[in-house]
């Protein structure tokens, strides 16, 4: 079973979870895959769940087949809402030391482009639980701040923000983020980098994955 079974580009965020269907607690097969490069396995099956991530865009509603063993489900990808915030021109690179550099543009709707809409931005790295088979099988989150990577030890989310109180001036804001994170290490641990922001309305917008290994 897929959750969710429909994914709207630019609106949905997080992962698609696959769980077994049937009686008597069947196990989820280990060999899970999709037939589209837009939908990739981010957490292999552990017998109970598997997770897939969505990257890229579609122009029209697009069905994607997700298969685990001999079971097949259909995920429906829907085009992004042109009036919603979008990530554009996401082209990561590496510096001379091999550290990951994130380059992208955030396109925001006109309703957000007002001087009073002070905005806070977050960059987060997720290490899936399969990255640490010796650490209680738990996911780990780290946040990129002006002083480097850290975990959230305070109830105040601004303590781990990338930038705070930014005023939008144009529809498209360019980001170049030297993470200081060796790309080889990020790939080894199957890290996923996420981006999100919150304006003056207090509504957090998770823009989803901005980097993962190919």
N, C-alpha and C. Protein backbone atom coordinates (compact mmCIF):
# COMPACT_ATOMS: atom_id res chain seq x y z
N UNK A 1 0.84 -1.19 0.00
CA UNK A 1 0.00 0.00 0.00
C UNK A 1 0.88 1.25 0.00
N UNK A 2 0.50 2.26 -0.79
CA UNK A 2 1.24 3.51 -0.86
C UNK A 2 0.58 4.58 -0.01
N UNK A 3 1.37 5.39 0.65
CA UNK A 3 0.86 6.53 1.38
C UNK A 3 1.84 7.70 1.22
N UNK A 4 1.42 8.77 0.50
CA UNK A 4 0.17 8.91 -0.26
C UNK A 4 0.27 8.20 -1.61
N UNK A 5 -0.87 8.07 -2.29
CA UNK A 5 -0.88 7.46 -3.62
C UNK A 5 -0.92 8.51 -4.73
N UNK A 6 -1.11 9.78 -4.34
CA UNK A 6 -1.07 10.91 -5.28
C UNK A 6 -0.09 11.93 -4.74
N UNK A 7 0.78 12.44 -5.61
CA UNK A 7 1.83 13.37 -5.20
C UNK A 7 1.79 14.60 -6.09
N UNK A 8 1.52 15.76 -5.50
CA UNK A 8 1.49 17.01 -6.26
C UNK A 8 2.85 17.69 -6.13
N UNK A 9 3.53 17.86 -7.25
CA UNK A 9 4.85 18.47 -7.25
C UNK A 9 4.78 19.87 -6.64
N UNK A 10 5.70 20.15 -5.70
CA UNK A 10 5.74 21.47 -5.09
C UNK A 10 4.80 21.66 -3.92
N UNK A 11 3.88 20.71 -3.73
CA UNK A 11 2.93 20.80 -2.61
C UNK A 11 3.20 19.71 -1.59
N UNK A 12 3.24 18.45 -2.05
CA UNK A 12 3.59 17.36 -1.15
C UNK A 12 5.07 17.46 -0.75
N UNK A 13 5.39 16.95 0.40
CA UNK A 13 6.78 16.93 0.86
C UNK A 13 7.00 15.67 1.69
N UNK A 14 8.27 15.37 1.95
CA UNK A 14 8.60 14.18 2.71
C UNK A 14 8.80 12.99 1.81
N UNK A 15 8.24 11.84 2.17
CA UNK A 15 8.48 10.60 1.43
C UNK A 15 7.17 9.87 1.17
N UNK A 16 7.22 8.97 0.21
CA UNK A 16 6.13 8.03 -0.03
C UNK A 16 6.46 6.75 0.71
N UNK A 17 5.55 6.29 1.53
CA UNK A 17 5.78 5.10 2.34
C UNK A 17 5.04 3.90 1.75
N UNK A 18 5.75 2.79 1.65
CA UNK A 18 5.17 1.54 1.16
C UNK A 18 5.07 0.57 2.32
N UNK A 19 3.89 0.00 2.52
CA UNK A 19 3.69 -1.00 3.57
C UNK A 19 3.01 -2.23 2.97
N UNK A 20 3.18 -3.39 3.57
CA UNK A 20 2.57 -4.61 3.01
C UNK A 20 1.05 -4.60 3.14
N UNK A 21 0.41 -5.30 2.22
CA UNK A 21 -1.05 -5.45 2.24
C UNK A 21 -1.37 -6.93 2.39
N UNK A 22 -2.31 -7.23 3.26
CA UNK A 22 -2.71 -8.62 3.42
C UNK A 22 -2.95 -8.96 4.88
N UNK A 23 -3.24 -10.20 5.11
CA UNK A 23 -3.54 -10.67 6.47
C UNK A 23 -2.34 -11.38 7.06
N UNK A 24 -2.43 -11.66 8.36
CA UNK A 24 -1.40 -12.42 9.07
C UNK A 24 -0.02 -11.76 9.02
N UNK A 25 -0.02 -10.41 9.03
CA UNK A 25 1.23 -9.64 9.12
C UNK A 25 2.27 -10.04 8.07
N UNK A 26 1.95 -9.92 6.78
CA UNK A 26 2.93 -10.29 5.75
C UNK A 26 4.12 -9.34 5.78
N UNK A 27 5.26 -9.84 5.36
CA UNK A 27 6.47 -9.01 5.30
C UNK A 27 6.55 -8.31 3.95
N UNK A 28 7.10 -7.12 3.94
CA UNK A 28 7.32 -6.39 2.70
C UNK A 28 8.58 -6.93 2.04
N UNK A 29 8.51 -7.32 0.77
CA UNK A 29 9.71 -7.87 0.10
C UNK A 29 10.86 -6.87 0.10
N UNK A 30 12.06 -7.37 -0.03
CA UNK A 30 13.26 -6.52 0.02
C UNK A 30 13.48 -5.77 -1.27
N UNK A 31 13.04 -6.33 -2.39
CA UNK A 31 13.33 -5.73 -3.70
C UNK A 31 12.21 -4.77 -4.12
N UNK A 32 12.33 -3.52 -3.71
CA UNK A 32 11.36 -2.48 -4.07
C UNK A 32 11.99 -1.52 -5.07
N UNK A 33 11.22 -1.08 -6.06
CA UNK A 33 11.75 -0.19 -7.08
C UNK A 33 10.60 0.55 -7.76
N UNK A 34 10.96 1.56 -8.57
CA UNK A 34 9.96 2.27 -9.37
C UNK A 34 10.40 2.26 -10.82
N UNK A 35 9.47 2.56 -11.72
CA UNK A 35 9.82 2.57 -13.15
C UNK A 35 10.08 3.99 -13.66
N UNK A 36 10.34 4.95 -12.73
CA UNK A 36 10.57 6.33 -13.13
C UNK A 36 11.79 6.89 -12.41
N UNK A 37 12.66 7.64 -13.12
CA UNK A 37 13.80 8.28 -12.46
C UNK A 37 13.38 9.41 -11.52
N UNK A 38 12.12 9.83 -11.59
CA UNK A 38 11.62 10.89 -10.70
C UNK A 38 11.32 10.35 -9.31
N UNK A 39 11.13 9.05 -9.19
CA UNK A 39 10.76 8.42 -7.92
C UNK A 39 11.83 7.39 -7.58
N UNK A 40 12.60 7.67 -6.54
CA UNK A 40 13.74 6.81 -6.21
C UNK A 40 13.64 6.29 -4.78
N UNK A 41 14.18 5.12 -4.57
CA UNK A 41 14.15 4.47 -3.26
C UNK A 41 15.08 5.22 -2.30
N UNK A 42 14.53 5.74 -1.20
CA UNK A 42 15.33 6.48 -0.22
C UNK A 42 15.58 5.67 1.04
N UNK A 43 14.71 4.69 1.31
CA UNK A 43 14.91 3.79 2.46
C UNK A 43 14.50 2.38 2.04
N UNK A 44 15.46 1.49 1.88
CA UNK A 44 15.13 0.13 1.46
C UNK A 44 14.18 -0.56 2.45
N UNK A 45 13.50 -1.55 1.96
CA UNK A 45 12.55 -2.30 2.79
C UNK A 45 13.27 -2.97 3.95
N UNK A 46 12.66 -2.84 5.14
CA UNK A 46 13.14 -3.55 6.32
C UNK A 46 12.17 -4.66 6.71
N UNK A 47 11.28 -4.99 5.76
CA UNK A 47 10.27 -6.01 6.02
C UNK A 47 8.94 -5.42 6.44
N UNK A 48 8.97 -4.15 6.90
CA UNK A 48 7.74 -3.49 7.33
C UNK A 48 7.40 -2.29 6.47
N UNK A 49 8.40 -1.47 6.14
CA UNK A 49 8.17 -0.29 5.30
C UNK A 49 9.36 -0.08 4.37
N UNK A 50 9.09 0.64 3.30
CA UNK A 50 10.12 1.18 2.42
C UNK A 50 9.68 2.60 2.08
N UNK A 51 10.65 3.47 1.74
CA UNK A 51 10.31 4.85 1.43
C UNK A 51 10.92 5.27 0.10
N UNK A 52 10.15 6.09 -0.62
CA UNK A 52 10.59 6.64 -1.89
C UNK A 52 10.55 8.16 -1.83
N UNK A 53 11.46 8.80 -2.57
CA UNK A 53 11.49 10.26 -2.67
C UNK A 53 11.16 10.67 -4.09
N UNK A 54 10.59 11.87 -4.21
CA UNK A 54 10.23 12.41 -5.53
C UNK A 54 11.07 13.65 -5.80
N UNK A 55 11.73 13.69 -6.95
CA UNK A 55 12.46 14.87 -7.39
C UNK A 55 12.10 15.16 -8.83
N UNK A 56 12.26 16.43 -9.24
CA UNK A 56 11.94 16.80 -10.61
C UNK A 56 10.51 17.27 -10.76
N UNK A 57 10.09 17.47 -12.00
CA UNK A 57 8.76 18.00 -12.29
C UNK A 57 8.10 17.20 -13.41
N UNK A 58 6.79 17.36 -13.51
CA UNK A 58 6.03 16.77 -14.62
C UNK A 58 5.13 17.85 -15.20
N UNK A 59 4.88 17.76 -16.50
CA UNK A 59 4.02 18.74 -17.18
C UNK A 59 2.56 18.33 -17.13
N UNK A 60 2.31 17.04 -17.07
CA UNK A 60 0.95 16.51 -17.02
C UNK A 60 0.89 15.41 -15.97
N UNK A 61 -0.31 15.01 -15.61
CA UNK A 61 -0.48 13.95 -14.63
C UNK A 61 0.19 12.67 -15.14
N UNK A 62 1.06 12.09 -14.29
CA UNK A 62 1.90 10.99 -14.73
C UNK A 62 1.82 9.81 -13.77
N UNK A 63 1.45 8.63 -14.24
CA UNK A 63 1.44 7.45 -13.37
C UNK A 63 2.83 6.84 -13.26
N UNK A 64 3.19 6.39 -12.07
CA UNK A 64 4.47 5.73 -11.83
C UNK A 64 4.19 4.41 -11.12
N UNK A 65 4.79 3.34 -11.63
CA UNK A 65 4.62 2.03 -11.03
C UNK A 65 5.67 1.81 -9.95
N UNK A 66 5.24 1.46 -8.74
CA UNK A 66 6.14 1.09 -7.65
C UNK A 66 5.91 -0.39 -7.35
N UNK A 67 7.00 -1.14 -7.38
CA UNK A 67 6.92 -2.59 -7.25
C UNK A 67 7.73 -3.07 -6.06
N UNK A 68 7.14 -3.95 -5.27
CA UNK A 68 7.84 -4.65 -4.20
C UNK A 68 7.54 -6.13 -4.36
N UNK A 69 8.58 -6.90 -4.75
CA UNK A 69 8.33 -8.32 -5.02
C UNK A 69 7.39 -8.45 -6.19
N UNK A 70 6.31 -9.22 -5.99
CA UNK A 70 5.33 -9.40 -7.07
C UNK A 70 4.13 -8.48 -6.91
N UNK A 71 4.20 -7.50 -5.99
CA UNK A 71 3.11 -6.57 -5.77
C UNK A 71 3.43 -5.23 -6.45
N UNK A 72 2.41 -4.65 -7.07
CA UNK A 72 2.61 -3.39 -7.79
C UNK A 72 1.52 -2.39 -7.43
N UNK A 73 1.93 -1.15 -7.17
CA UNK A 73 1.00 -0.07 -6.88
C UNK A 73 1.31 1.10 -7.81
N UNK A 74 0.32 1.97 -8.01
CA UNK A 74 0.51 3.12 -8.90
C UNK A 74 0.49 4.41 -8.11
N UNK A 75 1.56 5.19 -8.27
CA UNK A 75 1.65 6.52 -7.70
C UNK A 75 1.35 7.51 -8.81
N UNK A 76 0.47 8.48 -8.55
CA UNK A 76 0.12 9.48 -9.55
C UNK A 76 0.83 10.79 -9.23
N UNK A 77 1.71 11.21 -10.14
CA UNK A 77 2.39 12.50 -10.00
C UNK A 77 1.56 13.57 -10.70
N UNK A 78 1.33 14.69 -9.99
CA UNK A 78 0.56 15.79 -10.55
C UNK A 78 1.45 17.02 -10.72
N UNK A 79 1.23 17.82 -11.78
CA UNK A 79 2.06 19.02 -12.00
C UNK A 79 1.94 20.01 -10.86
N UNK A 80 2.99 20.82 -10.71
CA UNK A 80 2.99 21.84 -9.67
C UNK A 80 1.95 22.92 -9.96
N UNK A 81 1.42 23.51 -8.91
CA UNK A 81 0.53 24.65 -9.03
C UNK A 81 1.37 25.87 -9.42
N UNK A 82 1.10 26.50 -10.57
CA UNK A 82 1.93 27.64 -10.99
C UNK A 82 1.90 28.81 -10.03
N UNK A 83 0.89 28.85 -9.14
CA UNK A 83 0.78 29.94 -8.17
C UNK A 83 1.39 29.59 -6.81
N UNK A 84 2.00 28.41 -6.72
CA UNK A 84 2.62 27.99 -5.46
C UNK A 84 4.13 28.20 -5.54
N UNK A 85 4.78 28.25 -4.38
CA UNK A 85 6.23 28.38 -4.34
C UNK A 85 6.86 27.14 -4.99
N UNK A 86 7.98 27.36 -5.70
CA UNK A 86 8.64 26.28 -6.40
C UNK A 86 10.16 26.41 -6.27
N UNK A 87 10.84 25.26 -6.32
CA UNK A 87 12.31 25.22 -6.41
C UNK A 87 12.67 25.11 -7.89
N UNK A 88 13.54 26.01 -8.37
CA UNK A 88 13.95 26.03 -9.77
C UNK A 88 15.47 25.92 -9.88
N UNK A 89 15.94 25.48 -11.04
CA UNK A 89 17.37 25.48 -11.38
C UNK A 89 18.21 24.87 -10.25
N UNK A 90 17.79 23.73 -9.77
CA UNK A 90 18.51 23.06 -8.68
C UNK A 90 19.69 22.28 -9.27
N UNK A 91 20.88 22.90 -9.23
CA UNK A 91 22.07 22.29 -9.83
C UNK A 91 23.18 22.27 -8.78
N UNK A 92 23.28 21.19 -8.01
CA UNK A 92 24.34 21.11 -6.99
C UNK A 92 25.71 21.00 -7.63
N UNK A 93 26.74 21.37 -6.86
CA UNK A 93 28.11 21.29 -7.33
C UNK A 93 29.00 20.95 -6.14
N UNK A 94 30.29 20.97 -6.36
CA UNK A 94 31.25 20.71 -5.28
C UNK A 94 32.36 21.74 -5.35
N UNK A 95 32.89 22.13 -4.17
CA UNK A 95 33.99 23.06 -4.17
C UNK A 95 35.30 22.31 -4.40
N UNK A 96 36.42 23.02 -4.36
CA UNK A 96 37.71 22.40 -4.67
C UNK A 96 38.11 21.32 -3.67
N UNK A 97 37.50 21.36 -2.46
CA UNK A 97 37.80 20.35 -1.44
C UNK A 97 36.85 19.16 -1.52
N UNK A 98 35.92 19.20 -2.48
CA UNK A 98 34.96 18.10 -2.60
C UNK A 98 33.74 18.26 -1.72
N UNK A 99 33.57 19.45 -1.13
CA UNK A 99 32.40 19.70 -0.28
C UNK A 99 31.20 20.09 -1.13
N UNK A 100 30.04 19.66 -0.70
CA UNK A 100 28.81 19.87 -1.44
C UNK A 100 28.38 21.34 -1.40
N UNK A 101 28.03 21.87 -2.56
CA UNK A 101 27.49 23.23 -2.68
C UNK A 101 26.11 23.12 -3.31
N UNK A 102 25.11 23.68 -2.64
CA UNK A 102 23.73 23.63 -3.13
C UNK A 102 23.42 24.94 -3.85
N UNK A 103 22.93 24.84 -5.08
CA UNK A 103 22.57 26.02 -5.88
C UNK A 103 21.15 25.85 -6.39
N UNK A 104 20.27 26.78 -6.06
CA UNK A 104 18.91 26.71 -6.58
C UNK A 104 18.24 28.08 -6.45
N UNK A 105 17.05 28.19 -7.03
CA UNK A 105 16.25 29.39 -6.91
C UNK A 105 14.92 29.04 -6.25
N UNK A 106 14.46 29.91 -5.40
CA UNK A 106 13.13 29.78 -4.80
C UNK A 106 12.22 30.79 -5.48
N UNK A 107 11.21 30.29 -6.17
CA UNK A 107 10.21 31.16 -6.81
C UNK A 107 8.98 31.22 -5.92
N UNK A 108 8.58 32.44 -5.56
CA UNK A 108 7.46 32.60 -4.64
C UNK A 108 6.31 33.36 -5.29
N UNK A 109 5.07 33.10 -4.87
CA UNK A 109 3.92 33.80 -5.45
C UNK A 109 3.91 35.27 -5.06
N UNK A 110 3.22 36.08 -5.85
CA UNK A 110 3.19 37.53 -5.63
C UNK A 110 2.66 37.89 -4.25
N UNK A 111 1.78 37.06 -3.71
CA UNK A 111 1.19 37.37 -2.40
C UNK A 111 2.23 37.38 -1.29
N UNK A 112 3.39 36.74 -1.52
CA UNK A 112 4.44 36.69 -0.49
C UNK A 112 5.47 37.80 -0.66
N UNK A 113 5.38 38.54 -1.77
CA UNK A 113 6.42 39.52 -2.08
C UNK A 113 6.05 40.90 -1.54
N UNK A 114 5.96 40.98 -0.23
CA UNK A 114 5.67 42.26 0.43
C UNK A 114 6.72 42.51 1.51
N UNK A 115 7.04 43.77 1.74
CA UNK A 115 8.13 44.13 2.64
C UNK A 115 7.89 43.65 4.07
N UNK A 116 6.62 43.51 4.44
CA UNK A 116 6.31 43.09 5.82
C UNK A 116 6.42 41.59 6.02
N UNK A 117 6.63 40.84 4.92
CA UNK A 117 6.68 39.39 5.02
C UNK A 117 8.10 38.92 5.34
N UNK A 118 8.56 39.19 6.56
CA UNK A 118 9.88 38.75 6.98
C UNK A 118 9.92 37.22 6.98
N UNK A 119 10.96 36.67 6.38
CA UNK A 119 11.01 35.24 6.13
C UNK A 119 12.22 34.59 6.77
N UNK A 120 12.02 33.39 7.33
CA UNK A 120 13.09 32.59 7.90
C UNK A 120 13.26 31.33 7.05
N UNK A 121 14.52 30.91 6.86
CA UNK A 121 14.83 29.76 6.02
C UNK A 121 15.55 28.68 6.82
N UNK A 122 15.27 27.44 6.47
CA UNK A 122 15.93 26.30 7.11
C UNK A 122 16.51 25.36 6.06
N UNK A 123 17.71 24.85 6.35
CA UNK A 123 18.34 23.78 5.57
C UNK A 123 18.56 22.62 6.53
N UNK A 124 18.05 21.45 6.19
CA UNK A 124 18.19 20.29 7.09
C UNK A 124 18.72 19.09 6.35
N UNK A 125 19.49 18.28 7.05
CA UNK A 125 20.00 17.03 6.50
C UNK A 125 19.40 15.87 7.29
N UNK A 126 18.81 14.95 6.57
CA UNK A 126 18.25 13.74 7.17
C UNK A 126 19.18 12.57 6.87
N UNK A 127 19.60 11.88 7.93
CA UNK A 127 20.33 10.63 7.78
C UNK A 127 19.34 9.50 8.07
N UNK A 128 18.93 8.76 7.04
CA UNK A 128 17.94 7.69 7.25
C UNK A 128 18.42 6.68 8.28
N UNK A 129 17.47 5.97 8.87
CA UNK A 129 17.84 5.04 9.93
C UNK A 129 18.76 3.93 9.43
N UNK A 130 18.72 3.64 8.12
CA UNK A 130 19.61 2.62 7.57
C UNK A 130 21.06 3.11 7.50
N UNK A 131 21.30 4.40 7.75
CA UNK A 131 22.67 4.92 7.75
C UNK A 131 23.44 4.47 8.99
N UNK A 132 22.71 4.19 10.07
CA UNK A 132 23.33 3.86 11.34
C UNK A 132 22.78 2.53 11.85
N UNK A 133 23.17 1.42 11.25
CA UNK A 133 22.62 0.13 11.68
C UNK A 133 22.99 -0.22 13.11
N UNK A 134 23.95 0.51 13.68
CA UNK A 134 24.41 0.22 15.04
C UNK A 134 23.86 1.22 16.05
N UNK A 135 22.92 2.09 15.64
CA UNK A 135 22.44 3.15 16.54
C UNK A 135 20.93 3.11 16.70
N UNK A 136 20.41 2.00 17.19
CA UNK A 136 18.99 1.89 17.56
C UNK A 136 18.03 2.13 16.40
N UNK A 137 18.55 2.07 15.16
CA UNK A 137 17.66 2.14 14.00
C UNK A 137 16.84 3.42 13.98
N UNK A 138 17.43 4.55 14.33
CA UNK A 138 16.71 5.82 14.37
C UNK A 138 17.23 6.79 13.31
N UNK A 139 16.32 7.61 12.77
CA UNK A 139 16.73 8.69 11.88
C UNK A 139 17.45 9.78 12.68
N UNK A 140 18.29 10.54 11.99
CA UNK A 140 18.97 11.66 12.63
C UNK A 140 18.81 12.90 11.75
N UNK A 141 18.45 14.04 12.38
CA UNK A 141 18.30 15.31 11.67
C UNK A 141 19.39 16.28 12.13
N UNK A 142 19.97 16.98 11.14
CA UNK A 142 20.94 18.04 11.41
C UNK A 142 20.52 19.28 10.63
N UNK A 143 20.82 20.46 11.17
CA UNK A 143 20.42 21.71 10.54
C UNK A 143 21.65 22.57 10.24
N UNK A 144 21.63 23.20 9.06
CA UNK A 144 22.75 24.04 8.66
C UNK A 144 22.46 25.48 9.09
N UNK A 145 23.30 26.01 9.95
CA UNK A 145 23.13 27.35 10.52
C UNK A 145 24.32 28.22 10.14
N UNK A 146 24.27 29.51 10.45
CA UNK A 146 25.42 30.38 10.14
C UNK A 146 26.72 29.93 10.79
N UNK A 147 26.64 29.11 11.84
CA UNK A 147 27.85 28.63 12.51
C UNK A 147 28.19 27.18 12.16
N UNK A 148 27.44 26.59 11.25
CA UNK A 148 27.72 25.21 10.84
C UNK A 148 26.55 24.28 11.14
N UNK A 149 26.80 22.98 11.01
CA UNK A 149 25.76 21.98 11.23
C UNK A 149 25.55 21.72 12.72
N UNK A 150 24.29 21.56 13.12
CA UNK A 150 23.98 21.27 14.52
C UNK A 150 22.63 20.58 14.60
N UNK A 151 22.39 19.93 15.72
CA UNK A 151 21.08 19.36 15.99
C UNK A 151 20.28 20.33 16.86
N UNK A 152 18.96 20.18 16.81
CA UNK A 152 18.10 21.10 17.56
C UNK A 152 18.02 20.66 19.01
N UNK A 153 18.57 21.48 19.88
CA UNK A 153 18.53 21.21 21.32
C UNK A 153 17.69 22.21 22.08
N UNK A 154 16.97 23.05 21.33
CA UNK A 154 16.14 24.09 21.92
C UNK A 154 14.75 23.99 21.32
N UNK A 155 13.70 24.33 22.09
CA UNK A 155 12.35 24.32 21.53
C UNK A 155 12.12 25.43 20.51
N UNK A 156 13.07 26.37 20.40
CA UNK A 156 12.94 27.48 19.46
C UNK A 156 13.52 27.07 18.11
N UNK A 157 12.69 26.89 17.08
CA UNK A 157 13.21 26.46 15.77
C UNK A 157 14.15 27.47 15.13
N UNK A 158 14.06 28.73 15.52
CA UNK A 158 14.96 29.73 14.95
C UNK A 158 16.41 29.50 15.37
N UNK A 159 16.61 28.71 16.42
CA UNK A 159 17.96 28.43 16.87
C UNK A 159 18.74 27.59 15.86
N UNK A 160 18.03 26.93 14.94
CA UNK A 160 18.70 26.13 13.92
C UNK A 160 18.36 26.62 12.51
N UNK A 161 17.92 27.87 12.39
CA UNK A 161 17.59 28.44 11.08
C UNK A 161 18.85 28.78 10.30
N UNK A 162 18.74 28.71 8.99
CA UNK A 162 19.84 29.09 8.10
C UNK A 162 19.94 30.62 7.99
N UNK A 163 18.79 31.27 7.78
CA UNK A 163 18.72 32.73 7.76
C UNK A 163 17.40 33.16 8.37
N UNK A 164 17.38 34.31 9.02
CA UNK A 164 16.14 34.80 9.63
C UNK A 164 15.87 36.24 9.21
N UNK A 165 14.59 36.60 9.27
CA UNK A 165 14.13 37.98 9.02
C UNK A 165 14.59 38.53 7.68
N UNK A 166 14.47 37.69 6.64
CA UNK A 166 14.82 38.12 5.29
C UNK A 166 13.60 38.74 4.60
N UNK A 167 13.82 39.85 3.90
CA UNK A 167 12.74 40.53 3.20
C UNK A 167 12.75 40.14 1.72
N UNK A 168 11.64 39.57 1.20
CA UNK A 168 11.61 39.22 -0.22
C UNK A 168 11.56 40.48 -1.08
N UNK A 169 12.37 40.50 -2.13
CA UNK A 169 12.40 41.66 -3.02
C UNK A 169 12.01 41.32 -4.45
N UNK A 170 12.25 40.08 -4.86
CA UNK A 170 11.89 39.64 -6.21
C UNK A 170 11.21 38.28 -6.13
N UNK A 171 10.55 37.91 -7.22
CA UNK A 171 9.82 36.64 -7.25
C UNK A 171 10.76 35.45 -7.11
N UNK A 172 11.99 35.58 -7.63
CA UNK A 172 12.95 34.49 -7.55
C UNK A 172 14.15 34.90 -6.68
N UNK A 173 14.44 34.08 -5.67
CA UNK A 173 15.59 34.30 -4.80
C UNK A 173 16.61 33.21 -5.05
N UNK A 174 17.84 33.60 -5.38
CA UNK A 174 18.90 32.63 -5.65
C UNK A 174 19.62 32.25 -4.36
N UNK A 175 19.90 30.97 -4.23
CA UNK A 175 20.64 30.45 -3.07
C UNK A 175 21.89 29.73 -3.57
N UNK A 176 23.00 30.07 -2.97
CA UNK A 176 24.24 29.30 -3.16
C UNK A 176 24.73 28.96 -1.75
N UNK A 177 24.70 27.69 -1.39
CA UNK A 177 24.93 27.28 -0.01
C UNK A 177 26.14 26.35 0.05
N UNK A 178 27.32 26.87 0.44
CA UNK A 178 28.48 26.00 0.65
C UNK A 178 28.29 25.25 1.98
N UNK A 179 27.95 23.98 1.91
CA UNK A 179 27.56 23.25 3.11
C UNK A 179 28.75 22.84 3.99
N UNK A 180 29.96 22.82 3.42
CA UNK A 180 31.10 22.30 4.17
C UNK A 180 31.02 20.80 4.39
N UNK A 181 30.06 20.15 3.76
CA UNK A 181 29.83 18.72 3.95
C UNK A 181 30.46 17.96 2.80
N UNK A 182 31.45 17.11 3.05
CA UNK A 182 32.05 16.34 1.96
C UNK A 182 31.00 15.52 1.21
N UNK A 183 30.95 15.71 -0.10
CA UNK A 183 29.92 15.03 -0.88
C UNK A 183 30.04 13.52 -0.76
N UNK A 184 31.26 13.01 -0.72
CA UNK A 184 31.45 11.56 -0.62
C UNK A 184 30.86 11.01 0.67
N UNK A 185 30.99 11.77 1.76
CA UNK A 185 30.46 11.32 3.05
C UNK A 185 28.93 11.39 3.03
N UNK A 186 28.38 12.48 2.45
CA UNK A 186 26.93 12.60 2.34
C UNK A 186 26.34 11.45 1.55
N UNK A 187 27.01 11.05 0.49
CA UNK A 187 26.54 9.93 -0.32
C UNK A 187 26.68 8.61 0.44
N UNK A 188 27.78 8.44 1.16
CA UNK A 188 28.01 7.21 1.90
C UNK A 188 26.90 6.95 2.92
N UNK A 189 26.44 8.02 3.59
CA UNK A 189 25.41 7.88 4.61
C UNK A 189 24.00 8.07 4.06
N UNK A 190 23.88 8.16 2.72
CA UNK A 190 22.56 8.32 2.09
C UNK A 190 21.81 9.54 2.62
N UNK A 191 22.56 10.61 2.86
CA UNK A 191 21.93 11.83 3.39
C UNK A 191 20.97 12.44 2.37
N UNK A 192 19.95 13.08 2.88
CA UNK A 192 19.01 13.86 2.06
C UNK A 192 18.94 15.26 2.64
N UNK A 193 19.08 16.28 1.80
CA UNK A 193 19.01 17.67 2.26
C UNK A 193 17.65 18.26 1.89
N UNK A 194 17.05 18.92 2.88
CA UNK A 194 15.72 19.50 2.72
C UNK A 194 15.79 21.02 2.89
N UNK A 195 14.81 21.70 2.30
CA UNK A 195 14.72 23.17 2.41
C UNK A 195 13.30 23.54 2.77
N UNK A 196 13.16 24.52 3.64
CA UNK A 196 11.84 25.03 4.00
C UNK A 196 11.93 26.46 4.47
N UNK A 197 10.80 27.13 4.51
CA UNK A 197 10.79 28.52 4.97
C UNK A 197 9.46 28.87 5.63
N UNK A 198 9.46 29.97 6.36
CA UNK A 198 8.26 30.45 7.03
C UNK A 198 8.21 31.97 6.95
N UNK A 199 7.08 32.48 6.48
CA UNK A 199 6.88 33.92 6.37
C UNK A 199 6.17 34.48 7.59
N UNK A 200 5.71 35.71 7.45
CA UNK A 200 5.07 36.40 8.57
C UNK A 200 3.75 35.76 8.99
N UNK A 201 3.16 34.95 8.10
CA UNK A 201 1.89 34.30 8.45
C UNK A 201 2.09 33.13 9.41
N UNK A 202 3.36 32.74 9.65
CA UNK A 202 3.63 31.65 10.59
C UNK A 202 3.44 30.27 10.04
N UNK A 203 3.15 30.15 8.73
CA UNK A 203 2.93 28.84 8.12
C UNK A 203 4.25 28.33 7.52
N UNK A 204 4.72 27.19 8.01
CA UNK A 204 5.97 26.62 7.50
C UNK A 204 5.71 25.91 6.19
N UNK A 205 6.56 26.18 5.20
CA UNK A 205 6.45 25.56 3.88
C UNK A 205 7.65 24.66 3.65
N UNK A 206 7.41 23.37 3.68
CA UNK A 206 8.45 22.38 3.43
C UNK A 206 8.57 22.19 1.93
N UNK A 207 9.70 22.62 1.34
CA UNK A 207 9.88 22.52 -0.10
C UNK A 207 10.49 21.18 -0.51
N UNK A 208 10.70 20.32 0.45
CA UNK A 208 11.13 18.97 0.15
C UNK A 208 12.63 18.84 -0.07
N UNK A 209 13.02 17.78 -0.74
CA UNK A 209 14.43 17.43 -0.93
C UNK A 209 15.07 18.34 -1.97
N UNK A 210 16.22 18.92 -1.60
CA UNK A 210 17.00 19.72 -2.55
C UNK A 210 18.29 19.02 -2.97
N UNK A 211 18.64 17.94 -2.27
CA UNK A 211 19.79 17.13 -2.70
C UNK A 211 19.68 15.73 -2.12
N UNK A 212 20.06 14.76 -2.93
CA UNK A 212 20.28 13.38 -2.50
C UNK A 212 21.20 12.76 -3.52
N UNK A 213 21.85 11.68 -3.16
CA UNK A 213 22.79 11.07 -4.08
C UNK A 213 22.03 10.47 -5.27
N UNK A 214 22.70 10.44 -6.41
CA UNK A 214 22.07 9.91 -7.62
C UNK A 214 21.98 8.39 -7.54
